[in-house]
Amino acid sequence: MSIFVQHPDDWIGVPNFDMGDRWERPEDWARELIEEIVVGQNLPRRKRVSQEQRDIVQNIFVMLAKSVEEREASSSYLRLSDWYGPLILVDLRVESRYSAGTISIEDYAGASDPDAIDPPLVEPFTTDSGLVGVRCTRHLVPDASQPGIIATVEYAWEVDETLVRLRTASYDLQEFEQTLPYVDELARTVYAR
């Protein structure tokens, strides 16, 4: 059984980078992606965007593409609303039930996170293809020595002997709330085959 995300058109899948692939380096992919965005003008225009702002967005794309493995993601997806944000990063993680142990699907989504400020909100969540799982929203302090709260939402499903988790997080709580409908839309496209 394989897990797929049929992401909406306004989302960008971060590809793999390897010798012989279309893009061997994240820098090549990000440069081509920025060129495509500029030509297509898929983003709302406030005014003419500067080369400096394009370079900033391109560097962010490169940084996020290079850190996919560090985030232990099987794949990653980006949504850029405007040249000035918000940029949503969502990671998909797929692993065997065996490697995750006996954890419940709710806890896999973060329901028992000891760092949560308040009890996490855990709700049922079903994809368009009929996968039944949970959606867990919580707020946490990532590091007691640093000020700030992170808002996170994680979706989790168990498919045969596979656990699937889709996750995003943000320090900007207002922006987080505004982007949740887009993340829900992406999560609804997860399917198994």
C-alpha atoms as a PDB file:
ATOM      1  CA  MET A   1       0.000   0.000   0.000  1.00  0.00           C
ATOM      2  CA  SER A   2       1.342   3.435  -0.965  1.00  0.00           C
ATOM      3  CA  ILE A   3       0.268   6.852   0.317  1.00  0.00           C
ATOM      4  CA  PHE A   4      -0.245   9.798  -2.023  1.00  0.00           C
ATOM      5  CA  VAL A   5      -1.151  13.471  -1.771  1.00  0.00           C
ATOM      6  CA  GLN A   6      -3.057  14.881  -4.762  1.00  0.00           C
ATOM      7  CA  HIS A   7      -2.287  18.432  -3.753  1.00  0.00           C
ATOM      8  CA  PRO A   8      -4.439  21.341  -4.985  1.00  0.00           C
ATOM      9  CA  ASP A   9      -2.984  23.504  -7.782  1.00  0.00           C
ATOM     10  CA  ASP A  10      -1.978  26.294  -5.404  1.00  0.00           C
ATOM     11  CA  TRP A  11       0.349  23.909  -3.523  1.00  0.00           C
ATOM     12  CA  ILE A  12       3.881  22.972  -4.598  1.00  0.00           C
ATOM     13  CA  GLY A  13       5.371  19.547  -3.946  1.00  0.00           C
ATOM     14  CA  VAL A  14       9.049  19.588  -2.983  1.00  0.00           C
ATOM     15  CA  PRO A  15      10.782  17.053  -5.255  1.00  0.00           C
ATOM     16  CA  ASN A  16      13.610  14.671  -4.472  1.00  0.00           C
ATOM     17  CA  PHE A  17      17.085  15.774  -5.562  1.00  0.00           C
ATOM     18  CA  ASP A  18      19.439  13.175  -6.949  1.00  0.00           C
ATOM     19  CA  MET A  19      21.886  12.669  -9.789  1.00  0.00           C
ATOM     20  CA  GLY A  20      19.899  12.087 -12.959  1.00  0.00           C
ATOM     21  CA  ASP A  21      16.694  13.674 -11.592  1.00  0.00           C
ATOM     22  CA  ARG A  22      15.204  16.708 -13.296  1.00  0.00           C
ATOM     23  CA  TRP A  23      16.650  18.818 -10.489  1.00  0.00           C
ATOM     24  CA  GLU A  24      19.847  17.559  -8.927  1.00  0.00           C
ATOM     25  CA  ARG A  25      20.073  20.423  -6.427  1.00  0.00           C
ATOM     26  CA  PRO A  26      17.449  22.403  -4.471  1.00  0.00           C
ATOM     27  CA  GLU A  27      18.976  25.620  -5.852  1.00  0.00           C
ATOM     28  CA  ASP A  28      18.134  24.583  -9.445  1.00  0.00           C
ATOM     29  CA  TRP A  29      14.544  23.699  -8.514  1.00  0.00           C
ATOM     30  CA  ALA A  30      13.985  26.917  -6.546  1.00  0.00           C
ATOM     31  CA  ARG A  31      15.380  29.115  -9.327  1.00  0.00           C
ATOM     32  CA  GLU A  32      13.156  27.454 -11.934  1.00  0.00           C
ATOM     33  CA  LEU A  33      10.146  27.620  -9.617  1.00  0.00           C
ATOM     34  CA  ILE A  34      10.613  31.366  -9.033  1.00  0.00           C
ATOM     35  CA  GLU A  35      10.894  31.921 -12.794  1.00  0.00           C
ATOM     36  CA  GLU A  36       7.676  29.960 -13.328  1.00  0.00           C
ATOM     37  CA  ILE A  37       5.859  31.966 -10.639  1.00  0.00           C
ATOM     38  CA  VAL A  38       7.051  35.261 -12.156  1.00  0.00           C
ATOM     39  CA  VAL A  39       6.015  34.276 -15.693  1.00  0.00           C
ATOM     40  CA  GLY A  40       2.707  32.794 -14.611  1.00  0.00           C
ATOM     41  CA  GLN A  41       2.014  35.527 -12.042  1.00  0.00           C
ATOM     42  CA  ASN A  42       0.133  32.965  -9.969  1.00  0.00           C
ATOM     43  CA  LEU A  43       0.473  35.216  -6.940  1.00  0.00           C
ATOM     44  CA  PRO A  44      -1.653  38.276  -6.262  1.00  0.00           C
ATOM     45  CA  ARG A  45       0.136  41.475  -7.211  1.00  0.00           C
ATOM     46  CA  ARG A  46       0.371  44.246  -4.659  1.00  0.00           C
ATOM     47  CA  LYS A  47       2.796  46.056  -6.892  1.00  0.00           C
ATOM     48  CA  ARG A  48       5.797  45.073  -8.923  1.00  0.00           C
ATOM     49  CA  VAL A  49       7.852  42.686  -6.809  1.00  0.00           C
ATOM     50  CA  SER A  50      11.540  43.473  -6.404  1.00  0.00           C
ATOM     51  CA  GLN A  51      14.353  41.140  -7.365  1.00  0.00           C
ATOM     52  CA  GLU A  52      15.411  41.274  -3.718  1.00  0.00           C
ATOM     53  CA  GLN A  53      12.055  39.837  -2.591  1.00  0.00           C
ATOM     54  CA  ARG A  54      12.208  37.141  -5.273  1.00  0.00           C
ATOM     55  CA  ASP A  55      15.679  36.202  -4.013  1.00  0.00           C
ATOM     56  CA  ILE A  56      14.395  36.024  -0.428  1.00  0.00           C
ATOM     57  CA  VAL A  57      11.579  33.660  -1.418  1.00  0.00           C
ATOM     58  CA  GLN A  58      13.954  31.583  -3.547  1.00  0.00           C
ATOM     59  CA  ASN A  59      16.386  31.222  -0.622  1.00  0.00           C
ATOM     60  CA  ILE A  60      13.545  30.149   1.658  1.00  0.00           C
ATOM     61  CA  PHE A  61      12.503  27.488  -0.877  1.00  0.00           C
ATOM     62  CA  VAL A  62      16.111  26.218  -0.980  1.00  0.00           C
ATOM     63  CA  MET A  63      16.385  26.138   2.824  1.00  0.00           C
ATOM     64  CA  LEU A  64      13.111  24.229   3.210  1.00  0.00           C
ATOM     65  CA  ALA A  65      13.999  21.769   0.442  1.00  0.00           C
ATOM     66  CA  LYS A  66      17.396  21.055   2.018  1.00  0.00           C
ATOM     67  CA  SER A  67      15.863  20.359   5.434  1.00  0.00           C
ATOM     68  CA  VAL A  68      13.221  17.776   4.427  1.00  0.00           C
ATOM     69  CA  GLU A  69      15.300  14.913   5.872  1.00  0.00           C
ATOM     70  CA  GLU A  70      16.071  16.830   9.074  1.00  0.00           C
ATOM     71  CA  ARG A  71      12.324  17.237   9.611  1.00  0.00           C
ATOM     72  CA  GLU A  72      11.979  13.451   9.082  1.00  0.00           C
ATOM     73  CA  ALA A  73       9.462  14.036   6.315  1.00  0.00           C
ATOM     74  CA  SER A  74       8.665  11.551   3.576  1.00  0.00           C
ATOM     75  CA  SER A  75       7.595  14.507   1.418  1.00  0.00           C
ATOM     76  CA  SER A  76       6.867  18.212   1.836  1.00  0.00           C
ATOM     77  CA  TYR A  77       4.422  20.697   0.348  1.00  0.00           C
ATOM     78  CA  LEU A  78       4.487  24.493   0.134  1.00  0.00           C
ATOM     79  CA  ARG A  79       1.820  27.120  -0.450  1.00  0.00           C
ATOM     80  CA  LEU A  80       2.816  30.729  -1.054  1.00  0.00           C
ATOM     81  CA  SER A  81      -0.129  33.127  -0.878  1.00  0.00           C
ATOM     82  CA  ASP A  82       1.795  36.230  -1.878  1.00  0.00           C
ATOM     83  CA  TRP A  83       5.414  37.270  -2.438  1.00  0.00           C
ATOM     84  CA  TYR A  84       5.353  38.518   1.173  1.00  0.00           C
ATOM     85  CA  GLY A  85       3.621  35.498   2.698  1.00  0.00           C
ATOM     86  CA  PRO A  86       2.267  33.638   4.295  1.00  0.00           C
ATOM     87  CA  LEU A  87       4.270  30.620   3.222  1.00  0.00           C
ATOM     88  CA  ILE A  88       2.796  27.367   4.511  1.00  0.00           C
ATOM     89  CA  LEU A  89       5.041  24.328   4.890  1.00  0.00           C
ATOM     90  CA  VAL A  90       3.402  20.946   5.430  1.00  0.00           C
ATOM     91  CA  ASP A  91       5.348  17.721   5.966  1.00  0.00           C
ATOM     92  CA  LEU A  92       4.038  14.230   5.287  1.00  0.00           C
ATOM     93  CA  ARG A  93       5.535  11.339   7.193  1.00  0.00           C
ATOM     94  CA  VAL A  94       4.811   7.731   6.299  1.00  0.00           C
ATOM     95  CA  GLU A  95       6.170   4.895   8.433  1.00  0.00           C
ATOM     96  CA  SER A  96       5.423   1.317   9.272  1.00  0.00           C
ATOM     97  CA  ARG A  97       3.222   0.519  12.228  1.00  0.00           C
ATOM     98  CA  TYR A  98       6.015  -1.732  13.465  1.00  0.00           C
ATOM     99  CA  SER A  99       8.530   1.132  13.722  1.00  0.00           C
ATOM    100  CA  ALA A 100       6.044   3.336  15.596  1.00  0.00           C
ATOM    101  CA  GLY A 101       5.150   0.694  18.173  1.00  0.00           C
ATOM    102  CA  THR A 102       1.771   0.509  19.883  1.00  0.00           C
ATOM    103  CA  ILE A 103       1.035   4.243  19.889  1.00  0.00           C
ATOM    104  CA  SER A 104      -2.597   5.185  19.289  1.00  0.00           C
ATOM    105  CA  ILE A 105      -3.479   7.189  16.212  1.00  0.00           C
ATOM    106  CA  GLU A 106      -4.533  10.091  18.482  1.00  0.00           C
ATOM    107  CA  ASP A 107      -1.169  10.111  20.264  1.00  0.00           C
ATOM    108  CA  TYR A 108       0.615   9.773  16.923  1.00  0.00           C
ATOM    109  CA  ALA A 109      -1.089  13.061  15.980  1.00  0.00           C
ATOM    110  CA  GLY A 110       0.093  14.688  19.240  1.00  0.00           C
ATOM    111  CA  ALA A 111      -2.869  14.241  21.591  1.00  0.00           C
ATOM    112  CA  SER A 112      -0.700  13.397  24.603  1.00  0.00           C
ATOM    113  CA  ASP A 113       2.067  15.924  23.921  1.00  0.00           C
ATOM    114  CA  PRO A 114       3.461  16.851  27.374  1.00  0.00           C
ATOM    115  CA  ASP A 115       4.576  20.244  26.034  1.00  0.00           C
ATOM    116  CA  ALA A 116       1.043  21.307  25.056  1.00  0.00           C
ATOM    117  CA  ILE A 117      -0.099  24.413  26.919  1.00  0.00           C
ATOM    118  CA  ASP A 118      -3.755  23.360  27.008  1.00  0.00           C
ATOM    119  CA  PRO A 119      -5.264  19.978  26.254  1.00  0.00           C
ATOM    120  CA  PRO A 120      -4.952  19.419  22.486  1.00  0.00           C
ATOM    121  CA  LEU A 121      -8.134  19.544  20.403  1.00  0.00           C
ATOM    122  CA  VAL A 122      -8.544  16.118  18.786  1.00  0.00           C
ATOM    123  CA  GLU A 123     -11.259  15.694  16.159  1.00  0.00           C
ATOM    124  CA  PRO A 124     -12.155  12.996  13.637  1.00  0.00           C
ATOM    125  CA  PHE A 125     -10.921  13.763  10.124  1.00  0.00           C
ATOM    126  CA  THR A 126     -11.843  11.961   6.906  1.00  0.00           C
ATOM    127  CA  THR A 127     -10.180  12.491   3.532  1.00  0.00           C
ATOM    128  CA  ASP A 128     -12.059  12.802   0.244  1.00  0.00           C
ATOM    129  CA  SER A 129     -10.995   9.218  -0.544  1.00  0.00           C
ATOM    130  CA  GLY A 130     -12.518   7.930   2.713  1.00  0.00           C
ATOM    131  CA  LEU A 131      -9.435   7.516   4.920  1.00  0.00           C
ATOM    132  CA  VAL A 132     -10.631   7.950   8.507  1.00  0.00           C
ATOM    133  CA  GLY A 133      -8.220   9.491  10.990  1.00  0.00           C
ATOM    134  CA  VAL A 134      -7.830  12.381  13.398  1.00  0.00           C
ATOM    135  CA  ARG A 135      -6.880  16.050  13.377  1.00  0.00           C
ATOM    136  CA  CYS A 136      -5.003  17.342  16.442  1.00  0.00           C
ATOM    137  CA  THR A 137      -4.517  21.060  17.057  1.00  0.00           C
ATOM    138  CA  ARG A 138      -2.341  22.254  19.903  1.00  0.00           C
ATOM    139  CA  HIS A 139      -0.201  25.094  21.197  1.00  0.00           C
ATOM    140  CA  LEU A 140       3.141  24.523  22.856  1.00  0.00           C
ATOM    141  CA  VAL A 141       6.232  26.271  24.131  1.00  0.00           C
ATOM    142  CA  PRO A 142       9.118  24.737  22.173  1.00  0.00           C
ATOM    143  CA  ASP A 143      11.860  25.926  24.494  1.00  0.00           C
ATOM    144  CA  ALA A 144      11.302  27.297  28.010  1.00  0.00           C
ATOM    145  CA  SER A 145      14.384  29.505  27.684  1.00  0.00           C
ATOM    146  CA  GLN A 146      13.023  31.246  24.558  1.00  0.00           C
ATOM    147  CA  PRO A 147       9.804  33.266  24.411  1.00  0.00           C
ATOM    148  CA  GLY A 148       7.155  32.162  21.955  1.00  0.00           C
ATOM    149  CA  ILE A 149       4.335  29.746  21.350  1.00  0.00           C
ATOM    150  CA  ILE A 150       4.005  27.401  18.403  1.00  0.00           C
ATOM    151  CA  ALA A 151       0.606  26.447  17.018  1.00  0.00           C
ATOM    152  CA  THR A 152       0.545  23.100  15.251  1.00  0.00           C
ATOM    153  CA  VAL A 153      -1.968  20.894  13.523  1.00  0.00           C
ATOM    154  CA  GLU A 154      -1.335  17.250  12.725  1.00  0.00           C
ATOM    155  CA  TYR A 155      -3.513  14.820  10.826  1.00  0.00           C
ATOM    156  CA  ALA A 156      -2.959  11.104  11.275  1.00  0.00           C
ATOM    157  CA  TRP A 157      -4.288   7.942   9.669  1.00  0.00           C
ATOM    158  CA  GLU A 158      -3.553   4.238   9.964  1.00  0.00           C
ATOM    159  CA  VAL A 159      -3.720   2.392   6.666  1.00  0.00           C
ATOM    160  CA  ASP A 160      -3.082  -1.344   6.853  1.00  0.00           C
ATOM    161  CA  GLU A 161       0.326  -1.565   8.563  1.00  0.00           C
ATOM    162  CA  THR A 162       1.253   2.044   7.790  1.00  0.00           C
ATOM    163  CA  LEU A 163       0.988   5.215   9.877  1.00  0.00           C
ATOM    164  CA  VAL A 164       0.602   8.514   8.054  1.00  0.00           C
ATOM    165  CA  ARG A 165       0.994  11.982   9.549  1.00  0.00           C
ATOM    166  CA  LEU A 166       0.613  15.383   7.892  1.00  0.00           C
ATOM    167  CA  ARG A 167       1.922  18.328   9.966  1.00  0.00           C
ATOM    168  CA  THR A 168       2.350  22.081   9.925  1.00  0.00           C
ATOM    169  CA  ALA A 169       3.296  24.601  12.595  1.00  0.00           C
ATOM    170  CA  SER A 170       3.688  28.363  12.997  1.00  0.00           C
ATOM    171  CA  TYR A 171       4.886  30.925  15.521  1.00  0.00           C
ATOM    172  CA  ASP A 172       2.369  33.421  14.099  1.00  0.00           C
ATOM    173  CA  LEU A 173      -0.890  32.396  15.791  1.00  0.00           C
ATOM    174  CA  GLN A 174      -3.122  34.670  13.726  1.00  0.00           C
ATOM    175  CA  GLU A 175      -1.546  33.527  10.470  1.00  0.00           C
ATOM    176  CA  PHE A 176      -1.889  29.921  11.642  1.00  0.00           C
ATOM    177  CA  GLU A 177      -5.657  30.311  12.047  1.00  0.00           C
ATOM    178  CA  GLN A 178      -5.933  31.953   8.615  1.00  0.00           C
ATOM    179  CA  THR A 179      -4.033  29.150   6.883  1.00  0.00           C
ATOM    180  CA  LEU A 180      -5.904  26.220   8.479  1.00  0.00           C
ATOM    181  CA  PRO A 181      -8.559  26.013   5.705  1.00  0.00           C
ATOM    182  CA  TYR A 182      -5.777  25.577   3.117  1.00  0.00           C
ATOM    183  CA  VAL A 183      -4.076  22.891   5.208  1.00  0.00           C
ATOM    184  CA  ASP A 184      -7.413  21.101   5.696  1.00  0.00           C
ATOM    185  CA  GLU A 185      -7.902  21.212   1.915  1.00  0.00           C
ATOM    186  CA  LEU A 186      -4.489  19.612   1.397  1.00  0.00           C
ATOM    187  CA  ALA A 187      -5.114  16.972   4.087  1.00  0.00           C
ATOM    188  CA  ARG A 188      -8.375  15.946   2.440  1.00  0.00           C
ATOM    189  CA  THR A 189      -6.400  14.904  -0.682  1.00  0.00           C
ATOM    190  CA  VAL A 190      -4.386  12.170   1.078  1.00  0.00           C
ATOM    191  CA  TYR A 191      -5.228   8.734  -0.302  1.00  0.00           C
ATOM    192  CA  ALA A 192      -3.917   5.180  -0.310  1.00  0.00           C
ATOM    193  CA  ARG A 193      -3.524   2.802  -3.224  1.00  0.00           C
END
